[in-house]
Amino acid sequence: FANIRRMLFYLLTTSLSEIISMIGALIIGLPLPVTAIQILWINLVTETALVLPLGLEAAEPNNMKRPPRNPNAPLLDRVIISRMLIVAPTMALIILATVIVLSQNGHNTQYIQTVAFMSLIVAQWANAFNARSEYLSIFSRTNRRNIAMYIGLVIAICLQSVVIFGPMQSLFGIQNVPVNTLLLSASIMIVGVLSAGELHKLFYRSRLSPASTSKQ
């Protein structure tokens, strides 16, 4: 049950961030952050490489100290939905800010979409670690290894490198971008996504009973 919730949070957060960023760009009058084929790549390749390992995540240590779940409780409760509504807009705002800054610096649409595309991919990588636990910090979760997660991440990074730097550039409309620009945008996205997830978890941990947090 918990792993299904993790997978849904991961998938829906990414999709919501794409919707917000695309609609936001249209409203503001900016170039679209990503193209159709780039969205297809994000949804079919990158998501698959990381969502499946989330289904193999180990149980959290405090599971047996929580009260039983109501059989009629929804799969997505207010904790997961509120986290989605914080993390997804954070991703979208960073993407839109990236598009605005690059547009103001005179870069063409293909250049902007290359950076935004890479940023969305990195957002997925970071959010997969957010999704590993409902309440525990990602730093507390590092002692419970999910080998499949790291294998999926390596596969995703290798495939993305082929798209960004390899022979698939023309197919995906990729333009050569300085590595330091990609690293800067990726770093900002990682910090933003992980911070949003961590702050939300911290807020809900503070509301749990002492028994349910004793092992956290």
N, C-alpha and C. Protein backbone atom coordinates (compact mmCIF):
# COMPACT_ATOMS: atom_id res chain seq x y z
N PHE A 1 0.84 -1.20 0.00
CA PHE A 1 0.00 0.00 0.00
C PHE A 1 0.87 1.26 0.00
N ALA A 2 1.88 1.27 0.85
CA ALA A 2 2.76 2.44 0.94
C ALA A 2 3.55 2.63 -0.36
N ASN A 3 3.98 1.54 -0.96
CA ASN A 3 4.76 1.66 -2.20
C ASN A 3 3.92 2.14 -3.37
N ILE A 4 2.66 1.74 -3.40
CA ILE A 4 1.76 2.25 -4.44
C ILE A 4 1.59 3.76 -4.28
N ARG A 5 1.47 4.20 -3.04
CA ARG A 5 1.36 5.64 -2.77
C ARG A 5 2.63 6.36 -3.21
N ARG A 6 3.79 5.76 -2.97
CA ARG A 6 5.05 6.38 -3.40
C ARG A 6 5.09 6.53 -4.91
N MET A 7 4.70 5.47 -5.60
CA MET A 7 4.73 5.50 -7.06
C MET A 7 3.77 6.55 -7.61
N LEU A 8 2.57 6.63 -7.05
CA LEU A 8 1.59 7.61 -7.51
C LEU A 8 2.06 9.03 -7.23
N PHE A 9 2.62 9.25 -6.06
CA PHE A 9 3.15 10.58 -5.74
C PHE A 9 4.21 10.98 -6.75
N TYR A 10 5.11 10.08 -7.05
CA TYR A 10 6.19 10.36 -8.00
C TYR A 10 5.65 10.69 -9.38
N LEU A 11 4.76 9.85 -9.89
CA LEU A 11 4.24 10.03 -11.24
C LEU A 11 3.37 11.28 -11.36
N LEU A 12 2.47 11.48 -10.41
CA LEU A 12 1.54 12.60 -10.50
C LEU A 12 2.23 13.94 -10.27
N THR A 13 3.24 13.95 -9.41
CA THR A 13 3.96 15.20 -9.17
C THR A 13 4.67 15.67 -10.43
N THR A 14 5.32 14.74 -11.12
CA THR A 14 6.01 15.10 -12.36
C THR A 14 5.03 15.59 -13.41
N SER A 15 3.93 14.87 -13.58
CA SER A 15 2.94 15.27 -14.59
C SER A 15 2.35 16.63 -14.27
N LEU A 16 2.06 16.87 -12.99
CA LEU A 16 1.49 18.15 -12.59
C LEU A 16 2.48 19.29 -12.84
N SER A 17 3.76 19.05 -12.58
CA SER A 17 4.77 20.09 -12.82
C SER A 17 4.87 20.43 -14.30
N GLU A 18 4.74 19.42 -15.15
CA GLU A 18 4.77 19.67 -16.60
C GLU A 18 3.58 20.52 -17.03
N ILE A 19 2.40 20.18 -16.49
CA ILE A 19 1.19 20.94 -16.85
C ILE A 19 1.30 22.39 -16.40
N ILE A 20 1.75 22.60 -15.16
CA ILE A 20 1.85 23.97 -14.63
C ILE A 20 2.86 24.78 -15.43
N SER A 21 4.00 24.18 -15.74
CA SER A 21 5.05 24.92 -16.46
C SER A 21 4.60 25.26 -17.88
N MET A 22 3.91 24.33 -18.55
CA MET A 22 3.45 24.59 -19.92
C MET A 22 2.37 25.67 -19.94
N ILE A 23 1.38 25.55 -19.05
CA ILE A 23 0.31 26.55 -18.98
C ILE A 23 0.88 27.90 -18.56
N GLY A 24 1.79 27.89 -17.59
CA GLY A 24 2.41 29.13 -17.14
C GLY A 24 3.15 29.84 -18.26
N ALA A 25 3.88 29.06 -19.06
CA ALA A 25 4.62 29.64 -20.19
C ALA A 25 3.67 30.26 -21.20
N LEU A 26 2.56 29.59 -21.46
CA LEU A 26 1.57 30.12 -22.42
C LEU A 26 0.94 31.41 -21.91
N ILE A 27 0.62 31.44 -20.61
CA ILE A 27 -0.01 32.63 -20.03
C ILE A 27 0.94 33.82 -20.05
N ILE A 28 2.20 33.57 -19.69
CA ILE A 28 3.18 34.66 -19.62
C ILE A 28 3.65 35.08 -21.01
N GLY A 29 3.50 34.18 -21.98
CA GLY A 29 3.97 34.48 -23.33
C GLY A 29 5.41 34.08 -23.56
N LEU A 30 5.85 33.02 -22.87
CA LEU A 30 7.22 32.51 -23.01
C LEU A 30 7.25 31.35 -23.99
N PRO A 31 8.43 31.00 -24.50
CA PRO A 31 8.54 29.77 -25.30
C PRO A 31 8.16 28.56 -24.46
N LEU A 32 7.55 27.56 -25.06
CA LEU A 32 7.23 26.34 -24.32
C LEU A 32 8.51 25.73 -23.77
N PRO A 33 8.53 25.33 -22.50
CA PRO A 33 9.76 24.82 -21.88
C PRO A 33 10.27 23.55 -22.55
N VAL A 34 9.37 22.68 -22.97
CA VAL A 34 9.77 21.41 -23.59
C VAL A 34 8.86 21.10 -24.78
N THR A 35 9.36 20.27 -25.67
CA THR A 35 8.59 19.87 -26.85
C THR A 35 7.81 18.59 -26.55
N ALA A 36 6.95 18.20 -27.48
CA ALA A 36 6.13 17.00 -27.30
C ALA A 36 6.99 15.74 -27.16
N ILE A 37 8.01 15.62 -28.00
CA ILE A 37 8.83 14.41 -27.95
C ILE A 37 9.67 14.37 -26.68
N GLN A 38 10.04 15.54 -26.15
CA GLN A 38 10.76 15.58 -24.88
C GLN A 38 9.87 15.14 -23.73
N ILE A 39 8.61 15.57 -23.75
CA ILE A 39 7.65 15.13 -22.72
C ILE A 39 7.45 13.62 -22.80
N LEU A 40 7.38 13.11 -24.02
CA LEU A 40 7.21 11.67 -24.20
C LEU A 40 8.40 10.92 -23.61
N TRP A 41 9.59 11.44 -23.82
CA TRP A 41 10.79 10.82 -23.26
C TRP A 41 10.75 10.85 -21.73
N ILE A 42 10.36 11.98 -21.19
CA ILE A 42 10.28 12.10 -19.73
C ILE A 42 9.30 11.09 -19.15
N ASN A 43 8.12 10.99 -19.77
CA ASN A 43 7.06 10.15 -19.21
C ASN A 43 7.27 8.66 -19.44
N LEU A 44 7.88 8.29 -20.56
CA LEU A 44 8.01 6.87 -20.88
C LEU A 44 9.35 6.27 -20.48
N VAL A 45 10.40 7.06 -20.50
CA VAL A 45 11.73 6.50 -20.24
C VAL A 45 12.22 6.83 -18.84
N THR A 46 12.35 8.12 -18.54
CA THR A 46 12.91 8.50 -17.25
C THR A 46 12.01 8.06 -16.10
N GLU A 47 10.71 8.27 -16.23
CA GLU A 47 9.79 7.87 -15.15
C GLU A 47 9.83 6.37 -14.92
N THR A 48 9.84 5.61 -15.99
CA THR A 48 9.82 4.15 -15.86
C THR A 48 11.06 3.64 -15.14
N ALA A 49 12.21 4.23 -15.43
CA ALA A 49 13.47 3.77 -14.83
C ALA A 49 13.48 3.94 -13.32
N LEU A 50 12.69 4.91 -12.81
CA LEU A 50 12.72 5.19 -11.38
C LEU A 50 11.44 4.83 -10.64
N VAL A 51 10.31 4.78 -11.35
CA VAL A 51 9.07 4.48 -10.64
C VAL A 51 8.98 3.00 -10.26
N LEU A 52 9.48 2.13 -11.10
CA LEU A 52 9.43 0.69 -10.78
C LEU A 52 10.22 0.36 -9.51
N PRO A 53 11.45 0.91 -9.33
CA PRO A 53 12.16 0.64 -8.07
C PRO A 53 11.44 1.15 -6.83
N LEU A 54 10.62 2.19 -6.96
CA LEU A 54 9.87 2.67 -5.80
C LEU A 54 8.88 1.61 -5.31
N GLY A 55 8.44 0.75 -6.21
CA GLY A 55 7.55 -0.34 -5.82
C GLY A 55 8.26 -1.42 -5.03
N LEU A 56 9.59 -1.34 -4.96
CA LEU A 56 10.40 -2.32 -4.23
C LEU A 56 10.99 -1.72 -2.96
N GLU A 57 10.55 -0.53 -2.60
CA GLU A 57 11.10 0.15 -1.43
C GLU A 57 10.79 -0.61 -0.15
N ALA A 58 11.78 -0.66 0.76
CA ALA A 58 11.59 -1.34 2.05
C ALA A 58 10.64 -0.56 2.94
N ALA A 59 10.02 -1.27 3.87
CA ALA A 59 9.07 -0.63 4.78
C ALA A 59 9.77 0.37 5.69
N GLU A 60 9.03 1.39 6.11
CA GLU A 60 9.58 2.36 7.05
C GLU A 60 9.60 1.75 8.44
N PRO A 61 10.58 2.10 9.26
CA PRO A 61 10.74 1.45 10.57
C PRO A 61 9.61 1.71 11.55
N ASN A 62 8.82 2.76 11.33
CA ASN A 62 7.77 3.10 12.30
C ASN A 62 6.39 2.61 11.87
N ASN A 63 6.32 1.77 10.85
CA ASN A 63 5.01 1.34 10.33
C ASN A 63 4.14 0.67 11.39
N MET A 64 4.74 -0.19 12.20
CA MET A 64 3.96 -0.95 13.19
C MET A 64 3.55 -0.11 14.39
N LYS A 65 4.04 1.10 14.49
CA LYS A 65 3.65 1.98 15.59
C LYS A 65 2.53 2.93 15.21
N ARG A 66 2.09 2.87 13.95
CA ARG A 66 0.98 3.70 13.53
C ARG A 66 -0.34 2.96 13.75
N PRO A 67 -1.42 3.69 13.99
CA PRO A 67 -2.73 3.02 14.12
C PRO A 67 -3.13 2.39 12.80
N PRO A 68 -3.97 1.37 12.83
CA PRO A 68 -4.42 0.73 11.59
C PRO A 68 -5.08 1.72 10.65
N ARG A 69 -4.91 1.48 9.34
CA ARG A 69 -5.54 2.35 8.35
C ARG A 69 -7.03 2.05 8.27
N ASN A 70 -7.81 3.07 8.08
CA ASN A 70 -9.23 2.89 7.82
C ASN A 70 -9.40 2.19 6.47
N PRO A 71 -10.13 1.10 6.39
CA PRO A 71 -10.31 0.39 5.11
C PRO A 71 -10.89 1.28 4.01
N ASN A 72 -11.61 2.32 4.40
CA ASN A 72 -12.21 3.23 3.42
C ASN A 72 -11.36 4.45 3.13
N ALA A 73 -10.15 4.49 3.70
CA ALA A 73 -9.28 5.65 3.50
C ALA A 73 -8.85 5.72 2.04
N PRO A 74 -8.77 6.91 1.45
CA PRO A 74 -8.37 7.04 0.05
C PRO A 74 -6.89 6.69 -0.13
N LEU A 75 -6.55 6.24 -1.32
CA LEU A 75 -5.16 5.91 -1.62
C LEU A 75 -4.27 7.15 -1.52
N LEU A 76 -4.79 8.27 -2.01
CA LEU A 76 -4.07 9.54 -1.92
C LEU A 76 -4.77 10.40 -0.87
N ASP A 77 -4.16 10.52 0.29
CA ASP A 77 -4.76 11.34 1.35
C ASP A 77 -4.22 12.77 1.29
N ARG A 78 -4.57 13.57 2.27
CA ARG A 78 -4.19 14.98 2.24
C ARG A 78 -2.68 15.17 2.39
N VAL A 79 -2.01 14.21 3.02
CA VAL A 79 -0.55 14.31 3.15
C VAL A 79 0.10 14.25 1.78
N ILE A 80 -0.25 13.23 1.00
CA ILE A 80 0.34 13.06 -0.32
C ILE A 80 -0.10 14.16 -1.27
N ILE A 81 -1.38 14.51 -1.24
CA ILE A 81 -1.89 15.54 -2.15
C ILE A 81 -1.26 16.89 -1.84
N SER A 82 -1.15 17.23 -0.56
CA SER A 82 -0.55 18.52 -0.20
C SER A 82 0.93 18.55 -0.57
N ARG A 83 1.61 17.41 -0.45
CA ARG A 83 3.02 17.37 -0.85
C ARG A 83 3.15 17.56 -2.36
N MET A 84 2.26 16.94 -3.12
CA MET A 84 2.25 17.13 -4.57
C MET A 84 2.05 18.59 -4.92
N LEU A 85 1.13 19.26 -4.18
CA LEU A 85 0.80 20.65 -4.48
C LEU A 85 1.88 21.62 -4.02
N ILE A 86 2.89 21.12 -3.34
CA ILE A 86 4.04 21.94 -2.97
C ILE A 86 5.23 21.64 -3.89
N VAL A 87 5.51 20.36 -4.09
CA VAL A 87 6.68 19.98 -4.87
C VAL A 87 6.49 20.29 -6.36
N ALA A 88 5.32 19.98 -6.92
CA ALA A 88 5.09 20.20 -8.35
C ALA A 88 5.20 21.68 -8.73
N PRO A 89 4.54 22.60 -8.00
CA PRO A 89 4.72 24.02 -8.34
C PRO A 89 6.16 24.49 -8.16
N THR A 90 6.88 23.90 -7.20
CA THR A 90 8.29 24.26 -7.03
C THR A 90 9.07 23.92 -8.29
N MET A 91 8.87 22.72 -8.81
CA MET A 91 9.51 22.33 -10.07
C MET A 91 9.15 23.30 -11.18
N ALA A 92 7.85 23.58 -11.31
CA ALA A 92 7.37 24.42 -12.40
C ALA A 92 7.92 25.84 -12.30
N LEU A 93 7.97 26.39 -11.09
CA LEU A 93 8.49 27.74 -10.91
C LEU A 93 9.96 27.84 -11.28
N ILE A 94 10.73 26.81 -10.94
CA ILE A 94 12.15 26.80 -11.30
C ILE A 94 12.30 26.73 -12.82
N ILE A 95 11.47 25.90 -13.46
CA ILE A 95 11.52 25.80 -14.92
C ILE A 95 11.16 27.14 -15.57
N LEU A 96 10.08 27.76 -15.10
CA LEU A 96 9.65 29.04 -15.67
C LEU A 96 10.70 30.13 -15.43
N ALA A 97 11.30 30.13 -14.24
CA ALA A 97 12.35 31.11 -13.95
C ALA A 97 13.54 30.89 -14.88
N THR A 98 13.87 29.64 -15.16
CA THR A 98 14.96 29.33 -16.09
C THR A 98 14.66 29.85 -17.48
N VAL A 99 13.42 29.62 -17.93
CA VAL A 99 13.03 30.08 -19.27
C VAL A 99 13.08 31.60 -19.35
N ILE A 100 12.61 32.27 -18.30
CA ILE A 100 12.62 33.75 -18.29
C ILE A 100 14.04 34.29 -18.35
N VAL A 101 14.91 33.75 -17.51
CA VAL A 101 16.30 34.23 -17.46
C VAL A 101 17.01 34.01 -18.79
N LEU A 102 16.86 32.83 -19.36
CA LEU A 102 17.52 32.53 -20.63
C LEU A 102 16.94 33.36 -21.77
N SER A 103 15.63 33.60 -21.74
CA SER A 103 15.00 34.44 -22.77
C SER A 103 15.53 35.86 -22.70
N GLN A 104 15.65 36.39 -21.48
CA GLN A 104 16.15 37.75 -21.31
C GLN A 104 17.61 37.88 -21.72
N ASN A 105 18.35 36.77 -21.68
CA ASN A 105 19.75 36.80 -22.09
C ASN A 105 19.93 36.56 -23.59
N GLY A 106 18.80 36.48 -24.31
CA GLY A 106 18.86 36.42 -25.76
C GLY A 106 19.08 35.05 -26.37
N HIS A 107 18.89 33.99 -25.59
CA HIS A 107 19.08 32.64 -26.14
C HIS A 107 17.87 32.24 -26.96
N ASN A 108 18.11 31.39 -27.97
CA ASN A 108 17.01 30.96 -28.84
C ASN A 108 16.17 29.88 -28.16
N THR A 109 15.04 29.57 -28.77
CA THR A 109 14.08 28.64 -28.17
C THR A 109 14.68 27.26 -27.97
N GLN A 110 15.44 26.77 -28.93
CA GLN A 110 16.01 25.43 -28.81
C GLN A 110 16.99 25.34 -27.65
N TYR A 111 17.78 26.37 -27.45
CA TYR A 111 18.72 26.43 -26.33
C TYR A 111 17.95 26.39 -25.01
N ILE A 112 16.89 27.22 -24.93
CA ILE A 112 16.09 27.29 -23.71
C ILE A 112 15.44 25.95 -23.41
N GLN A 113 14.89 25.31 -24.44
CA GLN A 113 14.22 24.02 -24.24
C GLN A 113 15.20 22.93 -23.84
N THR A 114 16.43 23.02 -24.31
CA THR A 114 17.44 22.03 -23.91
C THR A 114 17.70 22.12 -22.41
N VAL A 115 17.88 23.34 -21.90
CA VAL A 115 18.14 23.53 -20.47
C VAL A 115 16.92 23.13 -19.65
N ALA A 116 15.72 23.55 -20.09
CA ALA A 116 14.50 23.23 -19.36
C ALA A 116 14.24 21.73 -19.35
N PHE A 117 14.49 21.08 -20.47
CA PHE A 117 14.32 19.63 -20.58
C PHE A 117 15.22 18.91 -19.58
N MET A 118 16.48 19.32 -19.53
CA MET A 118 17.42 18.70 -18.59
C MET A 118 17.00 18.97 -17.15
N SER A 119 16.50 20.17 -16.89
CA SER A 119 16.06 20.51 -15.53
C SER A 119 14.88 19.64 -15.09
N LEU A 120 13.94 19.41 -15.99
CA LEU A 120 12.80 18.55 -15.65
C LEU A 120 13.23 17.11 -15.38
N ILE A 121 14.21 16.64 -16.15
CA ILE A 121 14.72 15.30 -15.93
C ILE A 121 15.37 15.20 -14.55
N VAL A 122 16.19 16.20 -14.21
CA VAL A 122 16.85 16.21 -12.91
C VAL A 122 15.83 16.31 -11.79
N ALA A 123 14.75 17.06 -12.03
CA ALA A 123 13.68 17.15 -11.03
C ALA A 123 13.10 15.78 -10.73
N GLN A 124 12.96 14.95 -11.76
CA GLN A 124 12.46 13.59 -11.55
C GLN A 124 13.43 12.77 -10.71
N TRP A 125 14.71 12.90 -11.04
CA TRP A 125 15.70 12.15 -10.27
C TRP A 125 15.64 12.52 -8.79
N ALA A 126 15.57 13.82 -8.51
CA ALA A 126 15.52 14.28 -7.12
C ALA A 126 14.23 13.85 -6.44
N ASN A 127 13.11 13.95 -7.16
CA ASN A 127 11.83 13.64 -6.55
C ASN A 127 11.67 12.15 -6.25
N ALA A 128 12.40 11.31 -6.96
CA ALA A 128 12.37 9.88 -6.66
C ALA A 128 12.87 9.63 -5.24
N PHE A 129 13.84 10.41 -4.81
CA PHE A 129 14.35 10.27 -3.44
C PHE A 129 13.39 10.87 -2.44
N ASN A 130 12.67 11.92 -2.82
CA ASN A 130 11.59 12.43 -1.97
C ASN A 130 10.55 11.35 -1.73
N ALA A 131 10.26 10.58 -2.78
CA ALA A 131 9.17 9.60 -2.73
C ALA A 131 9.52 8.35 -1.93
N ARG A 132 10.77 8.16 -1.58
CA ARG A 132 11.15 6.93 -0.88
C ARG A 132 10.50 6.79 0.48
N SER A 133 10.09 7.89 1.08
CA SER A 133 9.47 7.83 2.39
C SER A 133 8.38 8.89 2.51
N GLU A 134 7.33 8.54 3.24
CA GLU A 134 6.25 9.51 3.46
C GLU A 134 6.62 10.54 4.51
N TYR A 135 7.37 10.13 5.53
CA TYR A 135 7.66 11.02 6.64
C TYR A 135 9.14 11.18 6.94
N LEU A 136 9.93 10.15 6.69
CA LEU A 136 11.36 10.21 7.02
C LEU A 136 12.11 11.10 6.06
N SER A 137 13.12 11.79 6.58
CA SER A 137 14.00 12.59 5.74
C SER A 137 14.77 11.68 4.79
N ILE A 138 15.14 12.20 3.63
CA ILE A 138 15.94 11.40 2.69
C ILE A 138 17.29 11.05 3.31
N PHE A 139 17.77 11.87 4.23
CA PHE A 139 19.05 11.60 4.86
C PHE A 139 18.94 10.46 5.88
N SER A 140 17.77 10.33 6.50
CA SER A 140 17.55 9.20 7.41
C SER A 140 17.32 7.91 6.62
N ARG A 141 16.87 8.05 5.39
CA ARG A 141 16.51 6.89 4.58
C ARG A 141 17.72 6.25 3.90
N THR A 142 18.87 6.92 3.94
CA THR A 142 20.03 6.40 3.22
C THR A 142 20.55 5.09 3.81
N ASN A 143 20.22 4.79 5.07
CA ASN A 143 20.70 3.54 5.66
C ASN A 143 19.87 2.33 5.24
N ARG A 144 18.80 2.55 4.49
CA ARG A 144 18.00 1.44 3.97
C ARG A 144 18.12 1.47 2.45
N ARG A 145 19.03 0.68 1.94
CA ARG A 145 19.36 0.74 0.53
C ARG A 145 18.29 0.11 -0.35
N ASN A 146 18.09 0.75 -1.46
CA ASN A 146 17.21 0.22 -2.51
C ASN A 146 18.09 0.10 -3.76
N ILE A 147 18.70 -1.07 -3.93
CA ILE A 147 19.65 -1.26 -5.03
C ILE A 147 18.99 -0.99 -6.37
N ALA A 148 17.72 -1.39 -6.51
CA ALA A 148 17.02 -1.18 -7.77
C ALA A 148 16.90 0.31 -8.10
N MET A 149 16.76 1.14 -7.06
CA MET A 149 16.67 2.58 -7.27
C MET A 149 17.96 3.12 -7.89
N TYR A 150 19.09 2.68 -7.36
CA TYR A 150 20.37 3.17 -7.87
C TYR A 150 20.65 2.63 -9.26
N ILE A 151 20.24 1.41 -9.52
CA ILE A 151 20.38 0.87 -10.88
C ILE A 151 19.53 1.67 -11.86
N GLY A 152 18.29 1.94 -11.46
CA GLY A 152 17.40 2.73 -12.31
C GLY A 152 17.95 4.12 -12.55
N LEU A 153 18.55 4.73 -11.52
CA LEU A 153 19.11 6.07 -11.67
C LEU A 153 20.29 6.06 -12.64
N VAL A 154 21.14 5.05 -12.53
CA VAL A 154 22.28 4.94 -13.45
C VAL A 154 21.80 4.77 -14.89
N ILE A 155 20.80 3.93 -15.07
CA ILE A 155 20.23 3.73 -16.42
C ILE A 155 19.67 5.04 -16.95
N ALA A 156 18.93 5.77 -16.11
CA ALA A 156 18.32 7.04 -16.53
C ALA A 156 19.39 8.06 -16.89
N ILE A 157 20.46 8.13 -16.11
CA ILE A 157 21.54 9.08 -16.38
C ILE A 157 22.24 8.74 -17.69
N CYS A 158 22.50 7.46 -17.91
CA CYS A 158 23.17 7.03 -19.15
C CYS A 158 22.31 7.35 -20.38
N LEU A 159 21.03 7.05 -20.30
CA LEU A 159 20.15 7.32 -21.44
C LEU A 159 20.02 8.83 -21.69
N GLN A 160 19.94 9.60 -20.60
CA GLN A 160 19.84 11.04 -20.77
C GLN A 160 21.12 11.63 -21.37
N SER A 161 22.26 11.07 -21.01
CA SER A 161 23.53 11.54 -21.57
C SER A 161 23.58 11.31 -23.08
N VAL A 162 23.02 10.18 -23.53
CA VAL A 162 22.97 9.90 -24.96
C VAL A 162 22.12 10.94 -25.69
N VAL A 163 21.03 11.34 -25.05
CA VAL A 163 20.14 12.33 -25.67
C VAL A 163 20.79 13.72 -25.70
N ILE A 164 21.40 14.12 -24.59
CA ILE A 164 21.94 15.48 -24.47
C ILE A 164 23.26 15.64 -25.22
N PHE A 165 24.12 14.62 -25.17
CA PHE A 165 25.46 14.76 -25.73
C PHE A 165 25.74 13.84 -26.92
N GLY A 166 24.83 12.90 -27.19
CA GLY A 166 25.09 11.88 -28.20
C GLY A 166 24.40 12.11 -29.52
N PRO A 167 24.26 11.04 -30.29
CA PRO A 167 23.72 11.14 -31.65
C PRO A 167 22.21 11.39 -31.73
N MET A 168 21.52 11.41 -30.59
CA MET A 168 20.07 11.61 -30.61
C MET A 168 19.69 13.08 -30.45
N GLN A 169 20.67 13.97 -30.49
CA GLN A 169 20.40 15.39 -30.29
C GLN A 169 19.37 15.94 -31.28
N SER A 170 19.57 15.65 -32.56
CA SER A 170 18.68 16.21 -33.59
C SER A 170 17.26 15.69 -33.44
N LEU A 171 17.11 14.43 -33.05
CA LEU A 171 15.78 13.85 -32.89
C LEU A 171 14.99 14.57 -31.81
N PHE A 172 15.67 14.98 -30.73
CA PHE A 172 14.99 15.61 -29.60
C PHE A 172 15.12 17.14 -29.61
N GLY A 173 15.67 17.69 -30.67
CA GLY A 173 15.80 19.15 -30.75
C GLY A 173 16.75 19.71 -29.73
N ILE A 174 17.84 19.00 -29.47
CA ILE A 174 18.81 19.42 -28.46
C ILE A 174 19.88 20.30 -29.08
N GLN A 175 20.19 21.38 -28.41
CA GLN A 175 21.27 22.27 -28.85
C GLN A 175 22.42 22.15 -27.87
N ASN A 176 23.64 22.31 -28.36
CA ASN A 176 24.80 22.26 -27.48
C ASN A 176 24.75 23.40 -26.47
N VAL A 177 24.82 23.03 -25.20
CA VAL A 177 24.77 23.98 -24.10
C VAL A 177 25.99 23.76 -23.23
N PRO A 178 26.65 24.81 -22.77
CA PRO A 178 27.81 24.63 -21.88
C PRO A 178 27.46 23.76 -20.67
N VAL A 179 28.36 22.88 -20.33
CA VAL A 179 28.11 21.95 -19.22
C VAL A 179 27.87 22.70 -17.92
N ASN A 180 28.59 23.82 -17.73
CA ASN A 180 28.41 24.55 -16.47
C ASN A 180 27.00 25.14 -16.36
N THR A 181 26.38 25.48 -17.49
CA THR A 181 24.99 25.96 -17.47
C THR A 181 24.04 24.84 -17.06
N LEU A 182 24.26 23.65 -17.62
CA LEU A 182 23.42 22.50 -17.27
C LEU A 182 23.60 22.13 -15.80
N LEU A 183 24.84 22.18 -15.32
CA LEU A 183 25.10 21.84 -13.92
C LEU A 183 24.47 22.85 -12.97
N LEU A 184 24.51 24.13 -13.34
CA LEU A 184 23.91 25.16 -12.49
C LEU A 184 22.41 24.98 -12.41
N SER A 185 21.75 24.80 -13.56
CA SER A 185 20.30 24.62 -13.55
C SER A 185 19.91 23.34 -12.82
N ALA A 186 20.71 22.29 -12.98
CA ALA A 186 20.43 21.03 -12.29
C ALA A 186 20.58 21.18 -10.78
N SER A 187 21.59 21.90 -10.36
CA SER A 187 21.82 22.10 -8.92
C SER A 187 20.68 22.87 -8.28
N ILE A 188 20.23 23.92 -8.97
CA ILE A 188 19.11 24.71 -8.45
C ILE A 188 17.86 23.84 -8.32
N MET A 189 17.62 23.00 -9.32
CA MET A 189 16.44 22.13 -9.28
C MET A 189 16.54 21.11 -8.16
N ILE A 190 17.70 20.51 -7.98
CA ILE A 190 17.87 19.51 -6.91
C ILE A 190 17.60 20.13 -5.55
N VAL A 191 18.21 21.29 -5.31
CA VAL A 191 18.02 21.96 -4.02
C VAL A 191 16.56 22.33 -3.81
N GLY A 192 15.91 22.86 -4.84
CA GLY A 192 14.52 23.26 -4.72
C GLY A 192 13.58 22.11 -4.45
N VAL A 193 13.72 21.02 -5.21
CA VAL A 193 12.83 19.87 -5.07
C VAL A 193 13.03 19.17 -3.73
N LEU A 194 14.28 18.95 -3.36
CA LEU A 194 14.54 18.26 -2.08
C LEU A 194 14.13 19.13 -0.90
N SER A 195 14.36 20.43 -0.98
CA SER A 195 13.98 21.32 0.12
C SER A 195 12.47 21.34 0.30
N ALA A 196 11.72 21.40 -0.81
CA ALA A 196 10.26 21.41 -0.72
C ALA A 196 9.76 20.12 -0.06
N GLY A 197 10.30 18.98 -0.48
CA GLY A 197 9.90 17.71 0.10
C GLY A 197 10.27 17.59 1.56
N GLU A 198 11.47 18.02 1.91
CA GLU A 198 11.95 17.90 3.29
C GLU A 198 11.15 18.80 4.24
N LEU A 199 10.84 20.01 3.81
CA LEU A 199 10.07 20.91 4.67
C LEU A 199 8.66 20.38 4.90
N HIS A 200 8.07 19.80 3.86
CA HIS A 200 6.73 19.24 4.02
C HIS A 200 6.76 18.05 4.97
N LYS A 201 7.76 17.17 4.85
CA LYS A 201 7.88 16.03 5.76
C LYS A 201 8.11 16.49 7.19
N LEU A 202 8.94 17.52 7.36
CA LEU A 202 9.22 18.05 8.70
C LEU A 202 7.94 18.55 9.35
N PHE A 203 7.11 19.24 8.57
CA PHE A 203 5.84 19.76 9.10
C PHE A 203 4.95 18.61 9.57
N TYR A 204 4.83 17.56 8.79
CA TYR A 204 3.94 16.46 9.17
C TYR A 204 4.54 15.60 10.27
N ARG A 205 5.86 15.48 10.31
CA ARG A 205 6.47 14.74 11.42
C ARG A 205 6.17 15.41 12.74
N SER A 206 6.14 16.73 12.73
CA SER A 206 5.87 17.46 13.98
C SER A 206 4.45 17.26 14.47
N ARG A 207 3.56 16.78 13.59
CA ARG A 207 2.15 16.59 13.96
C ARG A 207 1.84 15.14 14.34
N LEU A 208 2.82 14.23 14.13
CA LEU A 208 2.58 12.85 14.49
C LEU A 208 2.74 12.65 15.99
N SER A 209 2.15 11.57 16.50
CA SER A 209 2.26 11.28 17.93
C SER A 209 3.69 10.86 18.26
N PRO A 210 4.14 11.03 19.51
CA PRO A 210 5.49 10.62 19.89
C PRO A 210 5.78 9.17 19.56
N ALA A 211 4.79 8.28 19.69
CA ALA A 211 5.02 6.85 19.42
C ALA A 211 5.36 6.62 17.97
N SER A 212 4.72 7.36 17.08
CA SER A 212 4.93 7.13 15.65
C SER A 212 6.22 7.73 15.15
N THR A 213 6.84 8.63 15.96
CA THR A 213 8.08 9.26 15.54
C THR A 213 9.28 8.77 16.34
N SER A 214 9.05 7.83 17.25
CA SER A 214 10.12 7.42 18.16
C SER A 214 11.33 6.83 17.46
N LYS A 215 11.12 6.21 16.32
CA LYS A 215 12.22 5.58 15.61
C LYS A 215 12.72 6.44 14.45
N GLN A 216 12.22 7.64 14.31
CA GLN A 216 12.66 8.50 13.23
C GLN A 216 13.87 9.31 13.63
